[in-house]
């Protein structure tokens, strides 16, 4: 995000520390809405990261259910 948007919004993404702060506040949650992504590349990247995060969460839950079921089957044998 720093590479993509540091020229479009130097006050918001002007250094890596600001960009990391945005990532910590926005990616795992719905964000604070204190800044708006301007370029289409920024919007695409943040959307992709949100989708990957959702995929990771769902796959973790699914694998947890399969693992629990497999453990229950092994204990009943």
Protein backbone atom coordinates (compact mmCIF):
# COMPACT_ATOMS: atom_id res chain seq x y z
CA UNK A 1 0.00 0.00 0.00
CA UNK A 2 2.91 2.31 0.74
CA UNK A 3 4.27 1.75 -2.77
CA UNK A 4 0.88 2.19 -4.42
CA UNK A 5 -0.48 5.21 -2.60
CA UNK A 6 2.43 7.19 -1.17
CA UNK A 7 2.36 9.58 -4.14
CA UNK A 8 -1.43 9.96 -4.25
CA UNK A 9 -1.80 10.58 -0.49
CA UNK A 10 1.58 11.54 0.98
CA UNK A 11 0.01 12.84 4.20
CA UNK A 12 -1.69 9.49 4.89
CA UNK A 13 0.76 6.96 3.39
CA UNK A 14 3.90 9.11 3.34
CA UNK A 15 5.96 6.74 5.46
CA UNK A 16 5.90 3.07 6.27
CA UNK A 17 4.79 3.71 9.86
CA UNK A 18 1.55 5.39 8.73
CA UNK A 19 0.93 2.61 6.26
CA UNK A 20 1.45 -0.07 8.90
CA UNK A 21 -0.91 1.78 11.22
CA UNK A 22 -3.55 1.77 8.48
CA UNK A 23 -3.03 -1.95 7.90
CA UNK A 24 -3.31 -2.83 11.59
CA UNK A 25 -6.49 -0.78 11.99
CA UNK A 26 -8.21 -1.63 8.71
CA UNK A 27 -7.39 -5.12 7.52
CA UNK A 28 -8.46 -7.24 10.52
CA UNK A 29 -11.51 -5.06 11.22
CA UNK A 30 -13.82 -2.74 9.35
CA UNK A 31 -11.37 0.11 9.90
CA UNK A 32 -11.81 3.55 11.31
CA UNK A 33 -12.70 5.29 8.02
CA UNK A 34 -10.20 8.01 8.82
CA UNK A 35 -8.84 7.93 5.28
CA UNK A 36 -10.18 6.97 1.90
CA UNK A 37 -8.32 4.98 -0.73
CA UNK A 38 -8.10 7.05 -3.89
CA UNK A 39 -6.51 4.96 -6.59
CA UNK A 40 -8.08 1.88 -8.11
CA UNK A 41 -4.93 -0.15 -7.40
CA UNK A 42 -5.31 0.62 -3.68
CA UNK A 43 -8.94 -0.42 -3.69
CA UNK A 44 -8.14 -3.63 -5.55
CA UNK A 45 -5.30 -4.51 -3.18
CA UNK A 46 -7.36 -3.89 -0.06
CA UNK A 47 -10.27 -5.88 -1.52
CA UNK A 48 -7.97 -8.77 -2.37
CA UNK A 49 -6.51 -8.75 1.14
CA UNK A 50 -10.00 -8.77 2.64
CA UNK A 51 -11.04 -11.72 0.46
CA UNK A 52 -7.85 -13.63 1.31
CA UNK A 53 -8.43 -12.97 5.00
CA UNK A 54 -11.98 -14.24 4.75
CA UNK A 55 -10.80 -17.32 2.85
CA UNK A 56 -8.15 -17.96 5.49
CA UNK A 57 -10.65 -17.67 8.30
CA UNK A 58 -13.19 -19.97 6.63
CA UNK A 59 -10.59 -22.59 5.72
CA UNK A 60 -9.27 -22.55 9.30
CA UNK A 61 -12.76 -23.12 10.69
CA UNK A 62 -13.44 -25.90 8.20
CA UNK A 63 -10.16 -27.67 8.96
CA UNK A 64 -10.87 -27.36 12.66
CA UNK A 65 -14.22 -29.15 12.23
CA UNK A 66 -12.63 -31.91 10.14
CA UNK A 67 -9.84 -32.35 12.67
CA UNK A 68 -12.29 -32.58 15.56
CA UNK A 69 -14.39 -35.14 13.69
CA UNK A 70 -11.33 -37.22 12.88
CA UNK A 71 -10.24 -37.20 16.53
CA UNK A 72 -13.70 -38.33 17.62
CA UNK A 73 -13.63 -41.18 15.12
CA UNK A 74 -10.21 -42.31 16.33
CA UNK A 75 -11.31 -42.35 19.97
CA UNK A 76 -14.40 -44.44 19.22
CA UNK A 77 -12.39 -47.17 17.44
